[in-house]
Amino acid sequence: MPKQTVGHCELCGRQNVLLTEHHLTPKEEGGTFLLTAMLCIPCHKQIHALYTNQELAARLSGIEELRRDPQLAKFVKWIRKQPAAKLVKTRKANERKKKR
């Protein structure tokens, strides 16, 4: 079971949100013992809805890279304004749907 706690999301900056541990380099791509970040559930889900593990390992293996990515930046700008208790639905990006 993934680690969960309440605190500050390292990606969107919201406070008092339920957090999960995100491997900055996916475990499937060799990141088991590498750096992790504590992210709120909506941010964590959005990352995995938008990008494959290969994309995350190759070009988005840090918080700053994730923040600067145009697709995710738009989501982060929106989620920052949402209350901590808000439930958010996540949909896979059209590009990800085609890759399966």
Protein backbone atom coordinates (compact mmCIF):
# COMPACT_ATOMS: atom_id res chain seq x y z
CA MET A 1 0.00 0.00 0.00
CA PRO A 2 1.40 3.45 -0.89
CA LYS A 3 2.38 5.79 1.93
CA GLN A 4 -0.36 8.32 2.72
CA THR A 5 -0.33 11.28 5.07
CA VAL A 6 -1.91 14.75 5.35
CA GLY A 7 0.23 17.75 4.50
CA HIS A 8 1.58 19.99 1.75
CA CYS A 9 1.58 18.89 -1.92
CA GLU A 10 5.03 19.43 -3.42
CA LEU A 11 3.56 20.04 -6.89
CA CYS A 12 0.53 22.30 -6.43
CA GLY A 13 1.38 23.68 -2.99
CA ARG A 14 -2.04 23.07 -1.43
CA GLN A 15 -2.05 22.53 2.35
CA ASN A 16 -3.86 19.94 4.49
CA VAL A 17 -4.43 17.51 1.62
CA LEU A 18 -4.15 13.75 1.61
CA LEU A 19 -0.74 12.93 0.13
CA THR A 20 0.68 9.92 -1.67
CA GLU A 21 4.29 9.11 -2.46
CA HIS A 22 5.20 9.63 -6.13
CA HIS A 23 8.40 8.07 -7.49
CA LEU A 24 9.93 10.82 -9.64
CA THR A 25 11.47 8.07 -11.77
CA PRO A 26 8.82 5.33 -11.97
CA LYS A 27 9.68 2.07 -10.22
CA GLU A 28 9.12 0.21 -13.51
CA GLU A 29 11.86 2.38 -15.04
CA GLY A 30 14.41 1.75 -12.28
CA GLY A 31 13.28 4.36 -9.75
CA THR A 32 12.52 2.07 -6.80
CA PHE A 33 15.29 3.54 -4.64
CA LEU A 34 15.48 7.01 -6.23
CA LEU A 35 13.88 10.30 -5.15
CA THR A 36 10.18 10.58 -4.36
CA ALA A 37 7.80 13.50 -3.80
CA MET A 38 4.68 13.75 -1.66
CA LEU A 39 1.79 14.77 -3.91
CA CYS A 40 -1.93 15.26 -3.36
CA ILE A 41 -4.04 12.54 -4.91
CA PRO A 42 -5.42 14.72 -7.76
CA CYS A 43 -1.91 15.83 -8.83
CA HIS A 44 -0.59 12.26 -8.63
CA LYS A 45 -3.48 10.88 -10.66
CA GLN A 46 -3.17 13.66 -13.25
CA ILE A 47 0.52 12.94 -13.80
CA HIS A 48 -0.18 9.28 -14.50
CA ALA A 49 -3.19 10.12 -16.68
CA LEU A 50 -1.11 12.41 -18.90
CA TYR A 51 2.21 10.58 -19.22
CA THR A 52 3.59 7.09 -19.66
CA ASN A 53 6.22 5.79 -17.26
CA GLN A 54 8.73 6.05 -20.09
CA GLU A 55 7.92 9.76 -20.59
CA LEU A 56 8.21 10.42 -16.86
CA ALA A 57 11.61 8.70 -16.66
CA ALA A 58 12.99 10.37 -19.80
CA ARG A 59 11.93 13.99 -19.38
CA LEU A 60 9.79 14.58 -16.28
CA SER A 61 11.75 13.06 -13.39
CA GLY A 62 11.71 16.13 -11.15
CA ILE A 63 9.17 18.48 -9.58
CA GLU A 64 10.42 21.49 -11.58
CA GLU A 65 10.22 19.59 -14.87
CA LEU A 66 6.66 18.57 -14.01
CA ARG A 67 5.70 22.16 -13.11
CA ARG A 68 7.12 23.51 -16.37
CA ASP A 69 5.39 20.99 -18.61
CA PRO A 70 2.58 22.87 -20.43
CA GLN A 71 -0.05 20.12 -20.07
CA LEU A 72 0.46 19.71 -16.35
CA ALA A 73 1.03 23.43 -15.64
CA LYS A 74 -2.53 24.15 -16.77
CA PHE A 75 -3.89 21.55 -14.33
CA VAL A 76 -1.69 22.78 -11.46
CA LYS A 77 -2.87 26.37 -12.00
CA TRP A 78 -6.48 25.15 -11.73
CA ILE A 79 -6.07 22.71 -8.81
CA ARG A 80 -4.30 25.33 -6.66
CA LYS A 81 -7.61 27.21 -6.46
CA GLN A 82 -9.62 24.15 -5.39
CA PRO A 83 -10.42 23.33 -1.75
CA ALA A 84 -8.44 20.47 -0.20
CA ALA A 85 -11.55 18.30 0.20
CA LYS A 86 -12.66 18.60 -3.45
CA LEU A 87 -12.89 15.28 -5.30
CA VAL A 88 -11.49 15.56 -8.81
CA LYS A 89 -12.17 13.23 -11.73
CA THR A 90 -9.17 12.42 -13.88
CA ARG A 91 -9.30 11.44 -17.53
CA LYS A 92 -6.50 10.02 -19.60
CA ALA A 93 -5.08 12.35 -22.21
CA ASN A 94 -6.14 11.48 -25.76
CA GLU A 95 -2.51 10.78 -26.63
CA ARG A 96 -2.27 8.23 -23.79
CA LYS A 97 -5.47 6.49 -24.89
CA LYS A 98 -3.99 5.87 -28.34
CA LYS A 99 -0.76 4.39 -26.95
CA ARG A 100 -2.38 1.37 -25.34
